[in-house]
Amino acid sequence: MVKDMDKKELRIKIKNKVSCLTQEYIDISSEKIQKTVISSSCFKNSSSIFIYVSTAYEPGTSLIIRTALKEDKRVYVPKCIARGVMIPVRIDKESVLKPGFMNIPEPEEA
């Protein structure tokens, strides 16, 4: 198990490396990742998914979410209800996501 201090140091190192990535690289990589997920048999055969909602400098997830909703899959995203405590919340459209804890998009309702 990683100690709290080690985890903080690791997050700082990762944040520094990610900040060096160009927007073009992030966009191209996000598109490839999302298309790979959507074309996977796991995604195709699922009736529901649990997925994070991406923010800047993270691989995008909006195409995956839109595709799942369009295919009538049940889509669950995390909602922070207390520091370090999240619950899965089902959404039926992307527009219900609003900035929440740490400005991360999440459903307003739980």
PDB file of N, CA and C in Angstrom:
ATOM      1  N   MET A   1       0.846  -1.189   0.000  1.00  0.00           N
ATOM      2  CA  MET A   1       0.000   0.000   0.000  1.00  0.00           C
ATOM      3  C   MET A   1       0.888   1.249   0.000  1.00  0.00           C
ATOM      4  N   VAL A   2       0.503   2.234  -0.767  1.00  0.00           N
ATOM      5  CA  VAL A   2       1.276   3.470  -0.866  1.00  0.00           C
ATOM      6  C   VAL A   2       0.942   4.359   0.323  1.00  0.00           C
ATOM      7  N   LYS A   3       1.978   4.890   0.959  1.00  0.00           N
ATOM      8  CA  LYS A   3       1.765   5.798   2.085  1.00  0.00           C
ATOM      9  C   LYS A   3       1.195   7.107   1.565  1.00  0.00           C
ATOM     10  N   ASP A   4       0.491   7.869   2.442  1.00  0.00           N
ATOM     11  CA  ASP A   4      -0.111   9.142   2.035  1.00  0.00           C
ATOM     12  C   ASP A   4       0.926  10.099   1.442  1.00  0.00           C
ATOM     13  N   MET A   5       2.072  10.207   2.068  1.00  0.00           N
ATOM     14  CA  MET A   5       3.095  11.124   1.564  1.00  0.00           C
ATOM     15  C   MET A   5       3.584  10.646   0.203  1.00  0.00           C
ATOM     16  N   ASP A   6       3.784   9.344   0.048  1.00  0.00           N
ATOM     17  CA  ASP A   6       4.206   8.795  -1.233  1.00  0.00           C
ATOM     18  C   ASP A   6       3.154   9.063  -2.298  1.00  0.00           C
ATOM     19  N   LYS A   7       1.897   8.940  -1.940  1.00  0.00           N
ATOM     20  CA  LYS A   7       0.806   9.173  -2.892  1.00  0.00           C
ATOM     21  C   LYS A   7       0.799  10.635  -3.322  1.00  0.00           C
ATOM     22  N   LYS A   8       1.000  11.546  -2.382  1.00  0.00           N
ATOM     23  CA  LYS A   8       1.035  12.974  -2.708  1.00  0.00           C
ATOM     24  C   LYS A   8       2.200  13.285  -3.644  1.00  0.00           C
ATOM     25  N   GLU A   9       3.356  12.710  -3.344  1.00  0.00           N
ATOM     26  CA  GLU A   9       4.530  12.928  -4.185  1.00  0.00           C
ATOM     27  C   GLU A   9       4.298  12.366  -5.581  1.00  0.00           C
ATOM     28  N   LEU A  10       3.708  11.199  -5.667  1.00  0.00           N
ATOM     29  CA  LEU A  10       3.422  10.583  -6.958  1.00  0.00           C
ATOM     30  C   LEU A  10       2.451  11.441  -7.767  1.00  0.00           C
ATOM     31  N   ARG A  11       1.425  11.973  -7.126  1.00  0.00           N
ATOM     32  CA  ARG A  11       0.468  12.845  -7.814  1.00  0.00           C
ATOM     33  C   ARG A  11       1.155  14.091  -8.360  1.00  0.00           C
ATOM     34  N   ILE A  12       2.074  14.657  -7.605  1.00  0.00           N
ATOM     35  CA  ILE A  12       2.807  15.844  -8.062  1.00  0.00           C
ATOM     36  C   ILE A  12       3.659  15.495  -9.273  1.00  0.00           C
ATOM     37  N   LYS A  13       4.354  14.359  -9.225  1.00  0.00           N
ATOM     38  CA  LYS A  13       5.183  13.938 -10.355  1.00  0.00           C
ATOM     39  C   LYS A  13       4.336  13.725 -11.604  1.00  0.00           C
ATOM     40  N   ILE A  14       3.211  13.050 -11.447  1.00  0.00           N
ATOM     41  CA  ILE A  14       2.332  12.790 -12.590  1.00  0.00           C
ATOM     42  C   ILE A  14       1.775  14.095 -13.134  1.00  0.00           C
ATOM     43  N   LYS A  15       1.354  14.990 -12.246  1.00  0.00           N
ATOM     44  CA  LYS A  15       0.815  16.282 -12.680  1.00  0.00           C
ATOM     45  C   LYS A  15       1.857  17.058 -13.478  1.00  0.00           C
ATOM     46  N   ASN A  16       3.110  17.019 -13.047  1.00  0.00           N
ATOM     47  CA  ASN A  16       4.181  17.703 -13.765  1.00  0.00           C
ATOM     48  C   ASN A  16       4.393  17.102 -15.150  1.00  0.00           C
ATOM     49  N   LYS A  17       4.353  15.781 -15.260  1.00  0.00           N
ATOM     50  CA  LYS A  17       4.535  15.126 -16.558  1.00  0.00           C
ATOM     51  C   LYS A  17       3.361  15.425 -17.482  1.00  0.00           C
ATOM     52  N   VAL A  18       2.162  15.375 -16.942  1.00  0.00           N
ATOM     53  CA  VAL A  18       0.965  15.631 -17.750  1.00  0.00           C
ATOM     54  C   VAL A  18       0.943  17.072 -18.241  1.00  0.00           C
ATOM     55  N   SER A  19       1.417  17.996 -17.444  1.00  0.00           N
ATOM     56  CA  SER A  19       1.398  19.405 -17.844  1.00  0.00           C
ATOM     57  C   SER A  19       2.295  19.672 -19.053  1.00  0.00           C
ATOM     58  N   CYS A  20       3.197  18.759 -19.357  1.00  0.00           N
ATOM     59  CA  CYS A  20       4.084  18.917 -20.519  1.00  0.00           C
ATOM     60  C   CYS A  20       3.441  18.411 -21.812  1.00  0.00           C
ATOM     61  N   LEU A  21       2.319  17.727 -21.724  1.00  0.00           N
ATOM     62  CA  LEU A  21       1.662  17.196 -22.911  1.00  0.00           C
ATOM     63  C   LEU A  21       0.983  18.316 -23.692  1.00  0.00           C
ATOM     64  N   THR A  22       1.050  18.242 -24.998  1.00  0.00           N
ATOM     65  CA  THR A  22       0.379  19.248 -25.817  1.00  0.00           C
ATOM     66  C   THR A  22      -1.109  18.911 -25.913  1.00  0.00           C
ATOM     67  N   GLN A  23      -1.914  19.912 -26.194  1.00  0.00           N
ATOM     68  CA  GLN A  23      -3.348  19.694 -26.346  1.00  0.00           C
ATOM     69  C   GLN A  23      -3.621  18.763 -27.527  1.00  0.00           C
ATOM     70  N   GLU A  24      -2.815  18.910 -28.574  1.00  0.00           N
ATOM     71  CA  GLU A  24      -2.977  18.040 -29.746  1.00  0.00           C
ATOM     72  C   GLU A  24      -2.756  16.572 -29.368  1.00  0.00           C
ATOM     73  N   TYR A  25      -1.718  16.308 -28.581  1.00  0.00           N
ATOM     74  CA  TYR A  25      -1.443  14.939 -28.134  1.00  0.00           C
ATOM     75  C   TYR A  25      -2.603  14.409 -27.283  1.00  0.00           C
ATOM     76  N   ILE A  26      -3.086  15.232 -26.379  1.00  0.00           N
ATOM     77  CA  ILE A  26      -4.201  14.826 -25.508  1.00  0.00           C
ATOM     78  C   ILE A  26      -5.435  14.512 -26.343  1.00  0.00           C
ATOM     79  N   ASP A  27      -5.755  15.370 -27.309  1.00  0.00           N
ATOM     80  CA  ASP A  27      -6.935  15.169 -28.159  1.00  0.00           C
ATOM     81  C   ASP A  27      -6.829  13.894 -28.991  1.00  0.00           C
ATOM     82  N   ILE A  28      -5.683  13.695 -29.630  1.00  0.00           N
ATOM     83  CA  ILE A  28      -5.487  12.502 -30.465  1.00  0.00           C
ATOM     84  C   ILE A  28      -5.540  11.237 -29.612  1.00  0.00           C
ATOM     85  N   SER A  29      -4.868  11.257 -28.475  1.00  0.00           N
ATOM     86  CA  SER A  29      -4.857  10.094 -27.583  1.00  0.00           C
ATOM     87  C   SER A  29      -6.246   9.792 -27.045  1.00  0.00           C
ATOM     88  N   SER A  30      -6.969  10.836 -26.653  1.00  0.00           N
ATOM     89  CA  SER A  30      -8.327  10.657 -26.135  1.00  0.00           C
ATOM     90  C   SER A  30      -9.229  10.008 -27.172  1.00  0.00           C
ATOM     91  N   GLU A  31      -9.126  10.473 -28.402  1.00  0.00           N
ATOM     92  CA  GLU A  31      -9.956   9.912 -29.469  1.00  0.00           C
ATOM     93  C   GLU A  31      -9.641   8.429 -29.678  1.00  0.00           C
ATOM     94  N   LYS A  32      -8.355   8.088 -29.699  1.00  0.00           N
ATOM     95  CA  LYS A  32      -7.948   6.687 -29.883  1.00  0.00           C
ATOM     96  C   LYS A  32      -8.445   5.823 -28.722  1.00  0.00           C
ATOM     97  N   ILE A  33      -8.281   6.306 -27.516  1.00  0.00           N
ATOM     98  CA  ILE A  33      -8.714   5.546 -26.335  1.00  0.00           C
ATOM     99  C   ILE A  33     -10.224   5.324 -26.382  1.00  0.00           C
ATOM    100  N   GLN A  34     -10.977   6.386 -26.656  1.00  0.00           N
ATOM    101  CA  GLN A  34     -12.438   6.266 -26.665  1.00  0.00           C
ATOM    102  C   GLN A  34     -12.916   5.317 -27.769  1.00  0.00           C
ATOM    103  N   LYS A  35     -12.325   5.421 -28.956  1.00  0.00           N
ATOM    104  CA  LYS A  35     -12.724   4.530 -30.046  1.00  0.00           C
ATOM    105  C   LYS A  35     -12.382   3.074 -29.731  1.00  0.00           C
ATOM    106  N   THR A  36     -11.264   2.863 -29.047  1.00  0.00           N
ATOM    107  CA  THR A  36     -10.885   1.505 -28.643  1.00  0.00           C
ATOM    108  C   THR A  36     -11.904   0.940 -27.657  1.00  0.00           C
ATOM    109  N   VAL A  37     -12.301   1.750 -26.684  1.00  0.00           N
ATOM    110  CA  VAL A  37     -13.293   1.309 -25.700  1.00  0.00           C
ATOM    111  C   VAL A  37     -14.623   0.996 -26.388  1.00  0.00           C
ATOM    112  N   ILE A  38     -15.098   1.905 -27.229  1.00  0.00           N
ATOM    113  CA  ILE A  38     -16.399   1.750 -27.888  1.00  0.00           C
ATOM    114  C   ILE A  38     -16.432   0.537 -28.810  1.00  0.00           C
ATOM    115  N   SER A  39     -15.308   0.213 -29.417  1.00  0.00           N
ATOM    116  CA  SER A  39     -15.279  -0.931 -30.330  1.00  0.00           C
ATOM    117  C   SER A  39     -15.010  -2.259 -29.617  1.00  0.00           C
ATOM    118  N   SER A  40     -14.728  -2.201 -28.327  1.00  0.00           N
ATOM    119  CA  SER A  40     -14.434  -3.434 -27.584  1.00  0.00           C
ATOM    120  C   SER A  40     -15.693  -4.269 -27.377  1.00  0.00           C
ATOM    121  N   SER A  41     -15.518  -5.577 -27.326  1.00  0.00           N
ATOM    122  CA  SER A  41     -16.660  -6.469 -27.095  1.00  0.00           C
ATOM    123  C   SER A  41     -17.238  -6.257 -25.699  1.00  0.00           C
ATOM    124  N   CYS A  42     -16.389  -5.889 -24.772  1.00  0.00           N
ATOM    125  CA  CYS A  42     -16.866  -5.630 -23.403  1.00  0.00           C
ATOM    126  C   CYS A  42     -17.888  -4.495 -23.403  1.00  0.00           C
ATOM    127  N   PHE A  43     -17.570  -3.404 -24.096  1.00  0.00           N
ATOM    128  CA  PHE A  43     -18.491  -2.270 -24.181  1.00  0.00           C
ATOM    129  C   PHE A  43     -19.729  -2.661 -24.977  1.00  0.00           C
ATOM    130  N   LYS A  44     -19.517  -3.285 -26.132  1.00  0.00           N
ATOM    131  CA  LYS A  44     -20.637  -3.647 -26.999  1.00  0.00           C
ATOM    132  C   LYS A  44     -21.638  -4.575 -26.305  1.00  0.00           C
ATOM    133  N   ASN A  45     -21.130  -5.478 -25.474  1.00  0.00           N
ATOM    134  CA  ASN A  45     -22.001  -6.455 -24.823  1.00  0.00           C
ATOM    135  C   ASN A  45     -22.556  -5.996 -23.480  1.00  0.00           C
ATOM    136  N   SER A  46     -22.169  -4.811 -23.050  1.00  0.00           N
ATOM    137  CA  SER A  46     -22.636  -4.332 -21.739  1.00  0.00           C
ATOM    138  C   SER A  46     -23.998  -3.653 -21.857  1.00  0.00           C
ATOM    139  N   SER A  47     -24.753  -3.745 -20.794  1.00  0.00           N
ATOM    140  CA  SER A  47     -26.025  -3.025 -20.741  1.00  0.00           C
ATOM    141  C   SER A  47     -25.900  -1.793 -19.847  1.00  0.00           C
ATOM    142  N   SER A  48     -24.788  -1.729 -19.088  1.00  0.00           N
ATOM    143  CA  SER A  48     -24.538  -0.558 -18.252  1.00  0.00           C
ATOM    144  C   SER A  48     -23.036  -0.353 -18.119  1.00  0.00           C
ATOM    145  N   ILE A  49     -22.661   0.908 -17.849  1.00  0.00           N
ATOM    146  CA  ILE A  49     -21.248   1.233 -17.637  1.00  0.00           C
ATOM    147  C   ILE A  49     -21.130   2.189 -16.463  1.00  0.00           C
ATOM    148  N   PHE A  50     -19.980   2.137 -15.804  1.00  0.00           N
ATOM    149  CA  PHE A  50     -19.608   3.108 -14.782  1.00  0.00           C
ATOM    150  C   PHE A  50     -18.351   3.780 -15.312  1.00  0.00           C
ATOM    151  N   ILE A  51     -18.372   5.101 -15.426  1.00  0.00           N
ATOM    152  CA  ILE A  51     -17.271   5.819 -16.058  1.00  0.00           C
ATOM    153  C   ILE A  51     -17.054   7.165 -15.390  1.00  0.00           C
ATOM    154  N   TYR A  52     -15.797   7.567 -15.303  1.00  0.00           N
ATOM    155  CA  TYR A  52     -15.521   8.900 -14.776  1.00  0.00           C
ATOM    156  C   TYR A  52     -15.831   9.945 -15.840  1.00  0.00           C
ATOM    157  N   VAL A  53     -16.046  11.170 -15.415  1.00  0.00           N
ATOM    158  CA  VAL A  53     -16.267  12.279 -16.338  1.00  0.00           C
ATOM    159  C   VAL A  53     -14.946  13.026 -16.423  1.00  0.00           C
ATOM    160  N   SER A  54     -14.407  13.094 -17.621  1.00  0.00           N
ATOM    161  CA  SER A  54     -13.060  13.633 -17.783  1.00  0.00           C
ATOM    162  C   SER A  54     -13.005  15.145 -17.588  1.00  0.00           C
ATOM    163  N   THR A  55     -11.835  15.584 -17.168  1.00  0.00           N
ATOM    164  CA  THR A  55     -11.520  17.002 -17.050  1.00  0.00           C
ATOM    165  C   THR A  55     -10.287  17.256 -17.931  1.00  0.00           C
ATOM    166  N   ALA A  56      -9.813  18.476 -17.948  1.00  0.00           N
ATOM    167  CA  ALA A  56      -8.631  18.802 -18.756  1.00  0.00           C
ATOM    168  C   ALA A  56      -7.459  17.912 -18.365  1.00  0.00           C
ATOM    169  N   TYR A  57      -6.660  17.549 -19.342  1.00  0.00           N
ATOM    170  CA  TYR A  57      -5.453  16.737 -19.171  1.00  0.00           C
ATOM    171  C   TYR A  57      -5.732  15.283 -18.796  1.00  0.00           C
ATOM    172  N   GLU A  58      -6.984  14.848 -18.899  1.00  0.00           N
ATOM    173  CA  GLU A  58      -7.326  13.435 -18.714  1.00  0.00           C
ATOM    174  C   GLU A  58      -7.827  12.908 -20.046  1.00  0.00           C
ATOM    175  N   PRO A  59      -7.674  11.617 -20.271  1.00  0.00           N
ATOM    176  CA  PRO A  59      -8.288  11.076 -21.489  1.00  0.00           C
ATOM    177  C   PRO A  59      -9.788  11.366 -21.474  1.00  0.00           C
ATOM    178  N   GLY A  60     -10.289  11.847 -22.593  1.00  0.00           N
ATOM    179  CA  GLY A  60     -11.697  12.206 -22.682  1.00  0.00           C
ATOM    180  C   GLY A  60     -12.623  11.013 -22.527  1.00  0.00           C
ATOM    181  N   THR A  61     -13.806  11.266 -22.027  1.00  0.00           N
ATOM    182  CA  THR A  61     -14.806  10.210 -21.878  1.00  0.00           C
ATOM    183  C   THR A  61     -16.152  10.597 -22.489  1.00  0.00           C
ATOM    184  N   SER A  62     -16.269  11.798 -23.012  1.00  0.00           N
ATOM    185  CA  SER A  62     -17.581  12.258 -23.482  1.00  0.00           C
ATOM    186  C   SER A  62     -18.113  11.433 -24.649  1.00  0.00           C
ATOM    187  N   LEU A  63     -17.259  11.000 -25.564  1.00  0.00           N
ATOM    188  CA  LEU A  63     -17.716  10.168 -26.680  1.00  0.00           C
ATOM    189  C   LEU A  63     -18.234   8.825 -26.173  1.00  0.00           C
ATOM    190  N   ILE A  64     -17.567   8.258 -25.203  1.00  0.00           N
ATOM    191  CA  ILE A  64     -18.009   6.989 -24.619  1.00  0.00           C
ATOM    192  C   ILE A  64     -19.374   7.179 -23.958  1.00  0.00           C
ATOM    193  N   ILE A  65     -19.525   8.250 -23.189  1.00  0.00           N
ATOM    194  CA  ILE A  65     -20.788   8.520 -22.504  1.00  0.00           C
ATOM    195  C   ILE A  65     -21.914   8.733 -23.513  1.00  0.00           C
ATOM    196  N   ARG A  66     -21.671   9.589 -24.513  1.00  0.00           N
ATOM    197  CA  ARG A  66     -22.703   9.852 -25.530  1.00  0.00           C
ATOM    198  C   ARG A  66     -23.098   8.573 -26.273  1.00  0.00           C
ATOM    199  N   THR A  67     -22.103   7.776 -26.641  1.00  0.00           N
ATOM    200  CA  THR A  67     -22.381   6.530 -27.366  1.00  0.00           C
ATOM    201  C   THR A  67     -23.202   5.576 -26.504  1.00  0.00           C
ATOM    202  N   ALA A  68     -22.817   5.433 -25.260  1.00  0.00           N
ATOM    203  CA  ALA A  68     -23.556   4.539 -24.354  1.00  0.00           C
ATOM    204  C   ALA A  68     -25.003   5.000 -24.195  1.00  0.00           C
ATOM    205  N   LEU A  69     -25.204   6.295 -24.025  1.00  0.00           N
ATOM    206  CA  LEU A  69     -26.563   6.823 -23.879  1.00  0.00           C
ATOM    207  C   LEU A  69     -27.368   6.606 -25.162  1.00  0.00           C
ATOM    208  N   LYS A  70     -26.740   6.838 -26.307  1.00  0.00           N
ATOM    209  CA  LYS A  70     -27.411   6.664 -27.592  1.00  0.00           C
ATOM    210  C   LYS A  70     -27.802   5.196 -27.801  1.00  0.00           C
ATOM    211  N   GLU A  71     -26.993   4.289 -27.251  1.00  0.00           N
ATOM    212  CA  GLU A  71     -27.263   2.860 -27.375  1.00  0.00           C
ATOM    213  C   GLU A  71     -28.148   2.343 -26.235  1.00  0.00           C
ATOM    214  N   ASP A  72     -28.744   3.270 -25.487  1.00  0.00           N
ATOM    215  CA  ASP A  72     -29.656   2.937 -24.378  1.00  0.00           C
ATOM    216  C   ASP A  72     -29.009   2.088 -23.286  1.00  0.00           C
ATOM    217  N   LYS A  73     -27.728   2.283 -23.068  1.00  0.00           N
ATOM    218  CA  LYS A  73     -27.059   1.628 -21.943  1.00  0.00           C
ATOM    219  C   LYS A  73     -27.328   2.469 -20.692  1.00  0.00           C
ATOM    220  N   ARG A  74     -27.319   1.836 -19.544  1.00  0.00           N
ATOM    221  CA  ARG A  74     -27.399   2.569 -18.283  1.00  0.00           C
ATOM    222  C   ARG A  74     -26.000   3.122 -17.992  1.00  0.00           C
ATOM    223  N   VAL A  75     -25.925   4.427 -17.769  1.00  0.00           N
ATOM    224  CA  VAL A  75     -24.633   5.087 -17.561  1.00  0.00           C
ATOM    225  C   VAL A  75     -24.580   5.631 -16.140  1.00  0.00           C
ATOM    226  N   TYR A  76     -23.549   5.225 -15.420  1.00  0.00           N
ATOM    227  CA  TYR A  76     -23.337   5.679 -14.048  1.00  0.00           C
ATOM    228  C   TYR A  76     -22.022   6.443 -13.984  1.00  0.00           C
ATOM    229  N   VAL A  77     -22.043   7.569 -13.263  1.00  0.00           N
ATOM    230  CA  VAL A  77     -20.841   8.379 -13.067  1.00  0.00           C
ATOM    231  C   VAL A  77     -20.700   8.657 -11.567  1.00  0.00           C
ATOM    232  N   PRO A  78     -19.478   8.938 -11.112  1.00  0.00           N
ATOM    233  CA  PRO A  78     -19.290   9.207  -9.691  1.00  0.00           C
ATOM    234  C   PRO A  78     -19.795  10.585  -9.280  1.00  0.00           C
ATOM    235  N   LYS A  79     -20.339  10.641  -8.084  1.00  0.00           N
ATOM    236  CA  LYS A  79     -20.731  11.912  -7.468  1.00  0.00           C
ATOM    237  C   LYS A  79     -20.113  11.934  -6.078  1.00  0.00           C
ATOM    238  N   CYS A  80     -19.401  13.021  -5.794  1.00  0.00           N
ATOM    239  CA  CYS A  80     -18.765  13.173  -4.492  1.00  0.00           C
ATOM    240  C   CYS A  80     -19.808  13.651  -3.486  1.00  0.00           C
ATOM    241  N   ILE A  81     -19.991  12.899  -2.415  1.00  0.00           N
ATOM    242  CA  ILE A  81     -20.961  13.301  -1.388  1.00  0.00           C
ATOM    243  C   ILE A  81     -20.269  13.785  -0.116  1.00  0.00           C
ATOM    244  N   ALA A  82     -18.978  13.506  -0.008  1.00  0.00           N
ATOM    245  CA  ALA A  82     -18.148  13.993   1.094  1.00  0.00           C
ATOM    246  C   ALA A  82     -16.703  13.809   0.651  1.00  0.00           C
ATOM    247  N   ARG A  83     -15.801  14.465   1.311  1.00  0.00           N
ATOM    248  CA  ARG A  83     -14.387  14.351   0.915  1.00  0.00           C
ATOM    249  C   ARG A  83     -13.973  12.879   0.937  1.00  0.00           C
ATOM    250  N   GLY A  84     -13.565  12.386  -0.235  1.00  0.00           N
ATOM    251  CA  GLY A  84     -13.112  11.003  -0.336  1.00  0.00           C
ATOM    252  C   GLY A  84     -14.226   9.972  -0.421  1.00  0.00           C
ATOM    253  N   VAL A  85     -15.486  10.433  -0.509  1.00  0.00           N
ATOM    254  CA  VAL A  85     -16.617   9.504  -0.576  1.00  0.00           C
ATOM    255  C   VAL A  85     -17.417   9.789  -1.844  1.00  0.00           C
ATOM    256  N   MET A  86     -17.502   8.778  -2.698  1.00  0.00           N
ATOM    257  CA  MET A  86     -18.255   8.924  -3.943  1.00  0.00           C
ATOM    258  C   MET A  86     -19.298   7.821  -4.051  1.00  0.00           C
ATOM    259  N   ILE A  87     -20.369   8.156  -4.755  1.00  0.00           N
ATOM    260  CA  ILE A  87     -21.403   7.167  -5.029  1.00  0.00           C
ATOM    261  C   ILE A  87     -21.660   7.160  -6.540  1.00  0.00           C
ATOM    262  N   PRO A  88     -22.072   6.013  -7.086  1.00  0.00           N
ATOM    263  CA  PRO A  88     -22.439   5.991  -8.501  1.00  0.00           C
ATOM    264  C   PRO A  88     -23.840   6.559  -8.684  1.00  0.00           C
ATOM    265  N   VAL A  89     -23.991   7.434  -9.667  1.00  0.00           N
ATOM    266  CA  VAL A  89     -25.289   8.036  -9.959  1.00  0.00           C
ATOM    267  C   VAL A  89     -25.592   7.806 -11.434  1.00  0.00           C
ATOM    268  N   ARG A  90     -26.784   7.315 -11.696  1.00  0.00           N
ATOM    269  CA  ARG A  90     -27.180   7.068 -13.086  1.00  0.00           C
ATOM    270  C   ARG A  90     -27.569   8.384 -13.750  1.00  0.00           C
ATOM    271  N   ILE A  91     -27.102   8.563 -14.987  1.00  0.00           N
ATOM    272  CA  ILE A  91     -27.493   9.732 -15.771  1.00  0.00           C
ATOM    273  C   ILE A  91     -28.188   9.254 -17.038  1.00  0.00           C
ATOM    274  N   ASP A  92     -29.075  10.105 -17.562  1.00  0.00           N
ATOM    275  CA  ASP A  92     -29.749   9.744 -18.805  1.00  0.00           C
ATOM    276  C   ASP A  92     -29.413  10.719 -19.930  1.00  0.00           C
ATOM    277  N   LYS A  93     -28.605  11.725 -19.603  1.00  0.00           N
ATOM    278  CA  LYS A  93     -28.097  12.652 -20.618  1.00  0.00           C
ATOM    279  C   LYS A  93     -26.889  13.368 -20.043  1.00  0.00           C
ATOM    280  N   GLU A  94     -25.986  13.745 -20.939  1.00  0.00           N
ATOM    281  CA  GLU A  94     -24.749  14.404 -20.520  1.00  0.00           C
ATOM    282  C   GLU A  94     -24.987  15.781 -19.932  1.00  0.00           C
ATOM    283  N   SER A  95     -26.072  16.424 -20.331  1.00  0.00           N
ATOM    284  CA  SER A  95     -26.329  17.797 -19.899  1.00  0.00           C
ATOM    285  C   SER A  95     -26.645  17.923 -18.414  1.00  0.00           C
ATOM    286  N   VAL A  96     -26.861  16.810 -17.714  1.00  0.00           N
ATOM    287  CA  VAL A  96     -27.143  16.892 -16.284  1.00  0.00           C
ATOM    288  C   VAL A  96     -25.862  17.065 -15.467  1.00  0.00           C
ATOM    289  N   LEU A  97     -24.709  17.030 -16.121  1.00  0.00           N
ATOM    290  CA  LEU A  97     -23.436  17.159 -15.423  1.00  0.00           C
ATOM    291  C   LEU A  97     -23.075  18.620 -15.212  1.00  0.00           C
ATOM    292  N   LYS A  98     -22.786  18.971 -13.970  1.00  0.00           N
ATOM    293  CA  LYS A  98     -22.413  20.333 -13.594  1.00  0.00           C
ATOM    294  C   LYS A  98     -21.147  20.275 -12.741  1.00  0.00           C
ATOM    295  N   PRO A  99     -20.346  21.338 -12.733  1.00  0.00           N
ATOM    296  CA  PRO A  99     -19.150  21.326 -11.896  1.00  0.00           C
ATOM    297  C   PRO A  99     -19.508  21.058 -10.429  1.00  0.00           C
ATOM    298  N   GLY A 100     -18.812  20.098  -9.850  1.00  0.00           N
ATOM    299  CA  GLY A 100     -19.040  19.731  -8.447  1.00  0.00           C
ATOM    300  C   GLY A 100     -17.753  19.868  -7.656  1.00  0.00           C
ATOM    301  N   PHE A 101     -17.493  18.912  -6.770  1.00  0.00           N
ATOM    302  CA  PHE A 101     -16.304  18.906  -5.931  1.00  0.00           C
ATOM    303  C   PHE A 101     -15.057  19.015  -6.798  1.00  0.00           C
ATOM    304  N   MET A 102     -14.156  19.920  -6.466  1.00  0.00           N
ATOM    305  CA  MET A 102     -12.921  20.142  -7.206  1.00  0.00           C
ATOM    306  C   MET A 102     -13.195  20.528  -8.664  1.00  0.00           C
ATOM    307  N   ASN A 103     -14.387  21.049  -8.910  1.00  0.00           N
ATOM    308  CA  ASN A 103     -14.795  21.496 -10.244  1.00  0.00           C
ATOM    309  C   ASN A 103     -14.922  20.342 -11.245  1.00  0.00           C
ATOM    310  N   ILE A 104     -15.060  19.134 -10.743  1.00  0.00           N
ATOM    311  CA  ILE A 104     -15.205  17.952 -11.594  1.00  0.00           C
ATOM    312  C   ILE A 104     -16.690  17.815 -11.956  1.00  0.00           C
ATOM    313  N   PRO A 105     -16.994  17.655 -13.244  1.00  0.00           N
ATOM    314  CA  PRO A 105     -18.415  17.498 -13.632  1.00  0.00           C
ATOM    315  C   PRO A 105     -19.031  16.274 -12.971  1.00  0.00           C
ATOM    316  N   GLU A 106     -20.221  16.465 -12.429  1.00  0.00           N
ATOM    317  CA  GLU A 106     -20.953  15.377 -11.791  1.00  0.00           C
ATOM    318  C   GLU A 106     -22.437  15.711 -11.825  1.00  0.00           C
ATOM    319  N   PRO A 107     -23.292  14.720 -11.609  1.00  0.00           N
ATOM    320  CA  PRO A 107     -24.735  14.995 -11.581  1.00  0.00           C
ATOM    321  C   PRO A 107     -25.076  15.895 -10.402  1.00  0.00           C
ATOM    322  N   GLU A 108     -26.025  16.802 -10.623  1.00  0.00           N
ATOM    323  CA  GLU A 108     -26.469  17.664  -9.509  1.00  0.00           C
ATOM    324  C   GLU A 108     -27.244  16.857  -8.499  1.00  0.00           C
ATOM    325  N   GLU A 109     -28.082  15.964  -8.995  1.00  0.00           N
ATOM    326  CA  GLU A 109     -28.941  15.158  -8.127  1.00  0.00           C
ATOM    327  C   GLU A 109     -28.252  13.845  -7.784  1.00  0.00           C
ATOM    328  N   ALA A 110     -28.553  13.340  -6.592  1.00  0.00           N
ATOM    329  CA  ALA A 110     -28.025  12.017  -6.198  1.00  0.00           C
ATOM    330  C   ALA A 110     -29.161  11.077  -5.917  1.00  0.00           C
TER     331      ALA A 110
END
